[in-house]
C-alpha atoms as a PDB file:
ATOM      1  CA  UNK A   1      41.404-117.968  34.950  1.00  0.00           C
ATOM      2  CA  UNK A   2      39.239-117.471  31.917  1.00  0.00           C
ATOM      3  CA  UNK A   3      37.708-118.854  28.762  1.00  0.00           C
ATOM      4  CA  UNK A   4      34.720-117.499  26.857  1.00  0.00           C
ATOM      5  CA  UNK A   5      33.238-120.997  26.833  1.00  0.00           C
ATOM      6  CA  UNK A   6      31.465-122.236  29.965  1.00  0.00           C
ATOM      7  CA  UNK A   7      31.909-125.664  31.510  1.00  0.00           C
ATOM      8  CA  UNK A   8      35.670-125.835  31.037  1.00  0.00           C
ATOM      9  CA  UNK A   9      36.569-126.238  34.729  1.00  0.00           C
ATOM     10  CA  UNK A  10      37.601-122.628  35.405  1.00  0.00           C
ATOM     11  CA  UNK A  11      36.120-122.632  38.905  1.00  0.00           C
ATOM     12  CA  UNK A  12      37.544-126.060  39.738  1.00  0.00           C
ATOM     13  CA  UNK A  13      40.970-124.985  38.544  1.00  0.00           C
ATOM     14  CA  UNK A  14      40.916-121.745  40.563  1.00  0.00           C
ATOM     15  CA  UNK A  15      39.867-123.659  43.674  1.00  0.00           C
ATOM     16  CA  UNK A  16      42.429-126.447  43.297  1.00  0.00           C
ATOM     17  CA  UNK A  17      45.275-124.089  42.386  1.00  0.00           C
ATOM     18  CA  UNK A  18      44.454-121.801  45.297  1.00  0.00           C
ATOM     19  CA  UNK A  19      44.479-124.674  47.779  1.00  0.00           C
ATOM     20  CA  UNK A  20      47.699-126.099  46.314  1.00  0.00           C
ATOM     21  CA  UNK A  21      49.447-122.738  46.636  1.00  0.00           C
ATOM     22  CA  UNK A  22      48.193-122.324  50.201  1.00  0.00           C
ATOM     23  CA  UNK A  23      49.576-125.744  51.118  1.00  0.00           C
ATOM     24  CA  UNK A  24      52.949-124.573  49.802  1.00  0.00           C
ATOM     25  CA  UNK A  25      52.855-121.745  52.331  1.00  0.00           C
ATOM     26  CA  UNK A  26      51.587-119.014  50.002  1.00  0.00           C
ATOM     27  CA  UNK A  27      49.044-116.377  51.008  1.00  0.00           C
ATOM     28  CA  UNK A  28      46.195-116.667  48.526  1.00  0.00           C
ATOM     29  CA  UNK A  29      43.172-114.511  47.703  1.00  0.00           C
ATOM     30  CA  UNK A  30      40.549-115.676  45.208  1.00  0.00           C
ATOM     31  CA  UNK A  31      38.010-113.298  43.669  1.00  0.00           C
ATOM     32  CA  UNK A  32      34.732-114.719  42.377  1.00  0.00           C
ATOM     33  CA  UNK A  33      33.687-112.586  39.397  1.00  0.00           C
ATOM     34  CA  UNK A  34      31.032-114.971  38.089  1.00  0.00           C
ATOM     35  CA  UNK A  35      27.417-114.030  38.983  1.00  0.00           C
ATOM     36  CA  UNK A  36      26.646-117.758  39.264  1.00  0.00           C
ATOM     37  CA  UNK A  37      28.886-117.702  42.374  1.00  0.00           C
ATOM     38  CA  UNK A  38      29.994-121.322  42.045  1.00  0.00           C
ATOM     39  CA  UNK A  39      33.405-120.604  43.565  1.00  0.00           C
ATOM     40  CA  UNK A  40      31.743-118.842  46.489  1.00  0.00           C
ATOM     41  CA  UNK A  41      29.587-121.918  47.126  1.00  0.00           C
ATOM     42  CA  UNK A  42      32.511-124.334  46.752  1.00  0.00           C
ATOM     43  CA  UNK A  43      34.399-122.420  49.434  1.00  0.00           C
ATOM     44  CA  UNK A  44      31.581-122.792  51.920  1.00  0.00           C
ATOM     45  CA  UNK A  45      29.605-119.559  51.679  1.00  0.00           C
ATOM     46  CA  UNK A  46      25.922-119.783  50.951  1.00  0.00           C
ATOM     47  CA  UNK A  47      25.145-117.288  48.223  1.00  0.00           C
ATOM     48  CA  UNK A  48      23.365-114.340  49.797  1.00  0.00           C
ATOM     49  CA  UNK A  49      24.449-115.022  53.389  1.00  0.00           C
ATOM     50  CA  UNK A  50      27.278-112.506  53.142  1.00  0.00           C
ATOM     51  CA  UNK A  51      26.251-108.893  53.333  1.00  0.00           C
ATOM     52  CA  UNK A  52      28.580-107.589  50.667  1.00  0.00           C
ATOM     53  CA  UNK A  53      30.321-109.018  47.644  1.00  0.00           C
ATOM     54  CA  UNK A  54      32.596-107.998  44.808  1.00  0.00           C
ATOM     55  CA  UNK A  55      29.567-106.143  43.428  1.00  0.00           C
ATOM     56  CA  UNK A  56      29.943-103.498  46.138  1.00  0.00           C
ATOM     57  CA  UNK A  57      33.649-103.219  45.369  1.00  0.00           C
ATOM     58  CA  UNK A  58      33.154-102.651  41.643  1.00  0.00           C
ATOM     59  CA  UNK A  59      29.977-100.560  41.662  1.00  0.00           C
ATOM     60  CA  UNK A  60      29.898 -98.807  45.042  1.00  0.00           C
ATOM     61  CA  UNK A  61      33.693 -98.598  45.504  1.00  0.00           C
ATOM     62  CA  UNK A  62      33.612-100.255  48.937  1.00  0.00           C
ATOM     63  CA  UNK A  63      37.115-101.173  50.178  1.00  0.00           C
ATOM     64  CA  UNK A  64      37.876-104.709  49.092  1.00  0.00           C
ATOM     65  CA  UNK A  65      39.291-105.572  52.523  1.00  0.00           C
ATOM     66  CA  UNK A  66      35.789-105.151  53.954  1.00  0.00           C
ATOM     67  CA  UNK A  67      34.347-107.959  51.829  1.00  0.00           C
ATOM     68  CA  UNK A  68      37.106-110.567  52.219  1.00  0.00           C
ATOM     69  CA  UNK A  69      36.103-113.823  53.925  1.00  0.00           C
ATOM     70  CA  UNK A  70      38.382-116.452  55.409  1.00  0.00           C
ATOM     71  CA  UNK A  71      37.518-119.987  54.298  1.00  0.00           C
ATOM     72  CA  UNK A  72      38.005-123.430  55.764  1.00  0.00           C
ATOM     73  CA  UNK A  73      40.428-124.228  52.928  1.00  0.00           C
ATOM     74  CA  UNK A  74      42.874-121.610  54.208  1.00  0.00           C
ATOM     75  CA  UNK A  75      42.451-119.221  51.310  1.00  0.00           C
ATOM     76  CA  UNK A  76      40.688-115.866  51.447  1.00  0.00           C
ATOM     77  CA  UNK A  77      37.679-115.139  49.249  1.00  0.00           C
ATOM     78  CA  UNK A  78      35.998-112.086  47.781  1.00  0.00           C
ATOM     79  CA  UNK A  79      32.538-113.594  47.170  1.00  0.00           C
ATOM     80  CA  UNK A  80      30.077-113.124  44.345  1.00  0.00           C
ATOM     81  CA  UNK A  81      26.288-113.070  44.235  1.00  0.00           C
ATOM     82  CA  UNK A  82      23.484-112.575  41.738  1.00  0.00           C
ATOM     83  CA  UNK A  83      23.698-108.784  42.075  1.00  0.00           C
ATOM     84  CA  UNK A  84      26.831-108.981  39.984  1.00  0.00           C
ATOM     85  CA  UNK A  85      24.647-109.505  36.907  1.00  0.00           C
ATOM     86  CA  UNK A  86      23.606-105.861  37.260  1.00  0.00           C
ATOM     87  CA  UNK A  87      27.112-104.462  37.588  1.00  0.00           C
ATOM     88  CA  UNK A  88      27.745-103.602  33.970  1.00  0.00           C
ATOM     89  CA  UNK A  89      24.340-102.007  33.481  1.00  0.00           C
ATOM     90  CA  UNK A  90      24.743 -99.867  36.598  1.00  0.00           C
ATOM     91  CA  UNK A  91      28.074 -98.410  35.612  1.00  0.00           C
ATOM     92  CA  UNK A  92      27.827 -94.797  34.570  1.00  0.00           C
ATOM     93  CA  UNK A  93      27.817 -94.563  30.785  1.00  0.00           C
ATOM     94  CA  UNK A  94      31.208 -93.544  29.503  1.00  0.00           C
ATOM     95  CA  UNK A  95      32.880 -93.532  32.920  1.00  0.00           C
ATOM     96  CA  UNK A  96      36.574 -93.114  32.296  1.00  0.00           C
ATOM     97  CA  UNK A  97      38.687 -95.877  33.739  1.00  0.00           C
ATOM     98  CA  UNK A  98      35.933 -98.429  34.358  1.00  0.00           C
ATOM     99  CA  UNK A  99      38.173-101.212  33.053  1.00  0.00           C
ATOM    100  CA  UNK A 100      40.546-100.571  35.976  1.00  0.00           C
ATOM    101  CA  UNK A 101      37.995-100.769  38.789  1.00  0.00           C
ATOM    102  CA  UNK A 102      39.270-104.120  40.060  1.00  0.00           C
ATOM    103  CA  UNK A 103      42.924-103.220  39.561  1.00  0.00           C
ATOM    104  CA  UNK A 104      42.523-100.080  41.662  1.00  0.00           C
ATOM    105  CA  UNK A 105      40.488-101.863  44.334  1.00  0.00           C
ATOM    106  CA  UNK A 106      43.300-104.364  44.883  1.00  0.00           C
ATOM    107  CA  UNK A 107      46.030-101.741  45.379  1.00  0.00           C
ATOM    108  CA  UNK A 108      45.591-101.337  49.184  1.00  0.00           C
ATOM    109  CA  UNK A 109      45.893-105.071  49.890  1.00  0.00           C
ATOM    110  CA  UNK A 110      48.596-106.195  47.470  1.00  0.00           C
ATOM    111  CA  UNK A 111      51.132-106.663  50.245  1.00  0.00           C
ATOM    112  CA  UNK A 112      48.869-109.092  52.106  1.00  0.00           C
ATOM    113  CA  UNK A 113      48.945-111.835  49.466  1.00  0.00           C
ATOM    114  CA  UNK A 114      51.413-113.751  47.336  1.00  0.00           C
ATOM    115  CA  UNK A 115      48.801-114.750  44.759  1.00  0.00           C
ATOM    116  CA  UNK A 116      45.411-113.417  43.713  1.00  0.00           C
ATOM    117  CA  UNK A 117      43.316-115.618  41.417  1.00  0.00           C
ATOM    118  CA  UNK A 118      40.253-114.419  39.494  1.00  0.00           C
ATOM    119  CA  UNK A 119      37.401-116.718  38.499  1.00  0.00           C
ATOM    120  CA  UNK A 120      35.629-115.118  35.536  1.00  0.00           C
ATOM    121  CA  UNK A 121      32.265-115.619  33.811  1.00  0.00           C
ATOM    122  CA  UNK A 122      32.195-117.290  30.364  1.00  0.00           C
ATOM    123  CA  UNK A 123      31.362-114.057  28.553  1.00  0.00           C
ATOM    124  CA  UNK A 124      33.179-110.985  27.334  1.00  0.00           C
ATOM    125  CA  UNK A 125      32.143-107.890  29.194  1.00  0.00           C
ATOM    126  CA  UNK A 126      32.755-105.621  32.164  1.00  0.00           C
ATOM    127  CA  UNK A 127      33.708-108.377  34.615  1.00  0.00           C
ATOM    128  CA  UNK A 128      36.078-110.324  32.385  1.00  0.00           C
ATOM    129  CA  UNK A 129      37.757-107.177  31.068  1.00  0.00           C
ATOM    130  CA  UNK A 130      38.352-105.960  34.635  1.00  0.00           C
ATOM    131  CA  UNK A 131      39.995-109.290  35.462  1.00  0.00           C
ATOM    132  CA  UNK A 132      42.188-109.160  32.338  1.00  0.00           C
ATOM    133  CA  UNK A 133      43.351-105.625  33.119  1.00  0.00           C
ATOM    134  CA  UNK A 134      44.082-106.592  36.741  1.00  0.00           C
ATOM    135  CA  UNK A 135      46.003-109.751  35.766  1.00  0.00           C
ATOM    136  CA  UNK A 136      49.539-108.546  36.415  1.00  0.00           C
ATOM    137  CA  UNK A 137      51.075-112.033  36.161  1.00  0.00           C
ATOM    138  CA  UNK A 138      49.188-113.399  33.170  1.00  0.00           C
ATOM    139  CA  UNK A 139      46.224-115.547  32.227  1.00  0.00           C
ATOM    140  CA  UNK A 140      45.492-119.252  32.657  1.00  0.00           C
ATOM    141  CA  UNK A 141      43.142-120.729  30.043  1.00  0.00           C
ATOM    142  CA  UNK A 142      41.560-124.123  30.749  1.00  0.00           C
ATOM    143  CA  UNK A 143      39.756-125.686  27.799  1.00  0.00           C
ATOM    144  CA  UNK A 144      38.159-128.937  26.696  1.00  0.00           C
ATOM    145  CA  UNK A 145      39.787-129.985  23.407  1.00  0.00           C
ATOM    146  CA  UNK A 146      36.596-129.745  21.356  1.00  0.00           C
ATOM    147  CA  UNK A 147      35.611-127.353  18.569  1.00  0.00           C
ATOM    148  CA  UNK A 148      33.377-124.957  20.529  1.00  0.00           C
ATOM    149  CA  UNK A 149      35.841-124.619  23.402  1.00  0.00           C
ATOM    150  CA  UNK A 150      38.688-124.083  20.950  1.00  0.00           C
ATOM    151  CA  UNK A 151      36.756-121.276  19.244  1.00  0.00           C
ATOM    152  CA  UNK A 152      36.158-119.659  22.626  1.00  0.00           C
ATOM    153  CA  UNK A 153      39.883-119.794  23.383  1.00  0.00           C
ATOM    154  CA  UNK A 154      40.746-118.204  20.030  1.00  0.00           C
ATOM    155  CA  UNK A 155      38.270-115.374  20.678  1.00  0.00           C
ATOM    156  CA  UNK A 156      39.805-114.814  24.099  1.00  0.00           C
ATOM    157  CA  UNK A 157      43.325-114.624  22.676  1.00  0.00           C
ATOM    158  CA  UNK A 158      42.094-112.013  20.209  1.00  0.00           C
ATOM    159  CA  UNK A 159      40.530-110.008  23.024  1.00  0.00           C
ATOM    160  CA  UNK A 160      43.776-110.183  24.979  1.00  0.00           C
ATOM    161  CA  UNK A 161      45.625-108.755  21.980  1.00  0.00           C
ATOM    162  CA  UNK A 162      43.182-105.828  21.943  1.00  0.00           C
ATOM    163  CA  UNK A 163      43.723-105.107  25.648  1.00  0.00           C
ATOM    164  CA  UNK A 164      47.496-105.466  25.729  1.00  0.00           C
ATOM    165  CA  UNK A 165      47.956-101.724  25.340  1.00  0.00           C
ATOM    166  CA  UNK A 166      46.206-101.281  28.693  1.00  0.00           C
ATOM    167  CA  UNK A 167      48.006-104.227  30.305  1.00  0.00           C
ATOM    168  CA  UNK A 168      51.406-105.148  28.829  1.00  0.00           C
ATOM    169  CA  UNK A 169      51.532-108.223  31.116  1.00  0.00           C
ATOM    170  CA  UNK A 170      48.470-109.720  29.459  1.00  0.00           C
ATOM    171  CA  UNK A 171      49.898-113.015  28.210  1.00  0.00           C
ATOM    172  CA  UNK A 172      48.761-116.616  28.569  1.00  0.00           C
ATOM    173  CA  UNK A 173      50.983-118.323  31.144  1.00  0.00           C
ATOM    174  CA  UNK A 174      49.263-121.731  30.945  1.00  0.00           C
ATOM    175  CA  UNK A 175      46.792-123.275  28.520  1.00  0.00           C
ATOM    176  CA  UNK A 176      45.363-126.382  30.174  1.00  0.00           C
ATOM    177  CA  UNK A 177      43.505-129.160  28.319  1.00  0.00           C
ATOM    178  CA  UNK A 178      40.947-130.446  30.835  1.00  0.00           C
ATOM    179  CA  UNK A 179      38.448-133.312  30.956  1.00  0.00           C
ATOM    180  CA  UNK A 180      40.451-135.059  28.264  1.00  0.00           C
ATOM    181  CA  UNK A 181      39.200-138.526  27.280  1.00  0.00           C
ATOM    182  CA  UNK A 182      42.176-140.622  26.194  1.00  0.00           C
ATOM    183  CA  UNK A 183      39.775-142.983  24.458  1.00  0.00           C
ATOM    184  CA  UNK A 184      38.281-140.234  22.310  1.00  0.00           C
ATOM    185  CA  UNK A 185      40.474-139.703  19.284  1.00  0.00           C
ATOM    186  CA  UNK A 186      39.088-136.225  18.621  1.00  0.00           C
ATOM    187  CA  UNK A 187      40.402-134.927  21.963  1.00  0.00           C
ATOM    188  CA  UNK A 188      43.945-136.089  21.320  1.00  0.00           C
ATOM    189  CA  UNK A 189      43.911-134.883  17.710  1.00  0.00           C
ATOM    190  CA  UNK A 190      42.692-131.425  18.770  1.00  0.00           C
ATOM    191  CA  UNK A 191      45.553-131.086  21.249  1.00  0.00           C
ATOM    192  CA  UNK A 192      48.038-132.018  18.531  1.00  0.00           C
ATOM    193  CA  UNK A 193      46.463-129.460  16.160  1.00  0.00           C
ATOM    194  CA  UNK A 194      46.873-126.724  18.766  1.00  0.00           C
ATOM    195  CA  UNK A 195      50.529-127.642  19.234  1.00  0.00           C
ATOM    196  CA  UNK A 196      51.081-127.447  15.490  1.00  0.00           C
ATOM    197  CA  UNK A 197      49.074-124.278  14.779  1.00  0.00           C
ATOM    198  CA  UNK A 198      49.901-122.282  17.913  1.00  0.00           C
ATOM    199  CA  UNK A 199      53.343-123.487  19.034  1.00  0.00           C
ATOM    200  CA  UNK A 200      53.873-120.284  21.040  1.00  0.00           C
ATOM    201  CA  UNK A 201      51.119-121.199  23.518  1.00  0.00           C
ATOM    202  CA  UNK A 202      52.283-122.545  26.903  1.00  0.00           C
ATOM    203  CA  UNK A 203      50.282-125.773  26.598  1.00  0.00           C
ATOM    204  CA  UNK A 204      50.431-127.924  29.740  1.00  0.00           C
ATOM    205  CA  UNK A 205      50.049-131.645  30.186  1.00  0.00           C
ATOM    206  CA  UNK A 206      46.367-132.613  29.825  1.00  0.00           C
ATOM    207  CA  UNK A 207      44.178-133.266  32.827  1.00  0.00           C
ATOM    208  CA  UNK A 208      42.420-136.510  32.033  1.00  0.00           C
ATOM    209  CA  UNK A 209      38.795-137.363  32.599  1.00  0.00           C
ATOM    210  CA  UNK A 210      38.428-140.102  35.219  1.00  0.00           C
END
């Protein structure tokens, strides 16, 4: 779940989709890759109360199974914390294969889950690239149909094109207009422009603002 623009309901969408899949009988793991740790908090963990997070997995190569937490919502969580802001800077310069850190870390537990969802920060960089390389089933892009969010989505699609050589499965599988105001003409017009200009995108029904 990603978009280079913040505030587009990525965390909410990961949470709701994870719970919906769990209620359908699926085994779900969510990985919080955002240093703000909003998904971690939403799932009931106070940031900092857990001893280890995805930071240790990416930087120290701790086994990911050792940092998984069960949650009251029935989905498992690899938590985040503020240490994750240091992850990119602490990687060894020029380390070969750094973009596959997360992909490799998940290998030992793939059989335990039916779905693994990544919540990413609203920036390009080490964390988002690791998620894109590890996304074996594709990418979900929530966006608010406004100019700045649309630009962020276009930048992301360009980045995905650049990384497709490393991950041939890197395709958008759902592009979700969120927080859509049916009374705001600009929102509806932007959605229609996307349909006309990018008809190949798997645009879903909009999620309306209540």
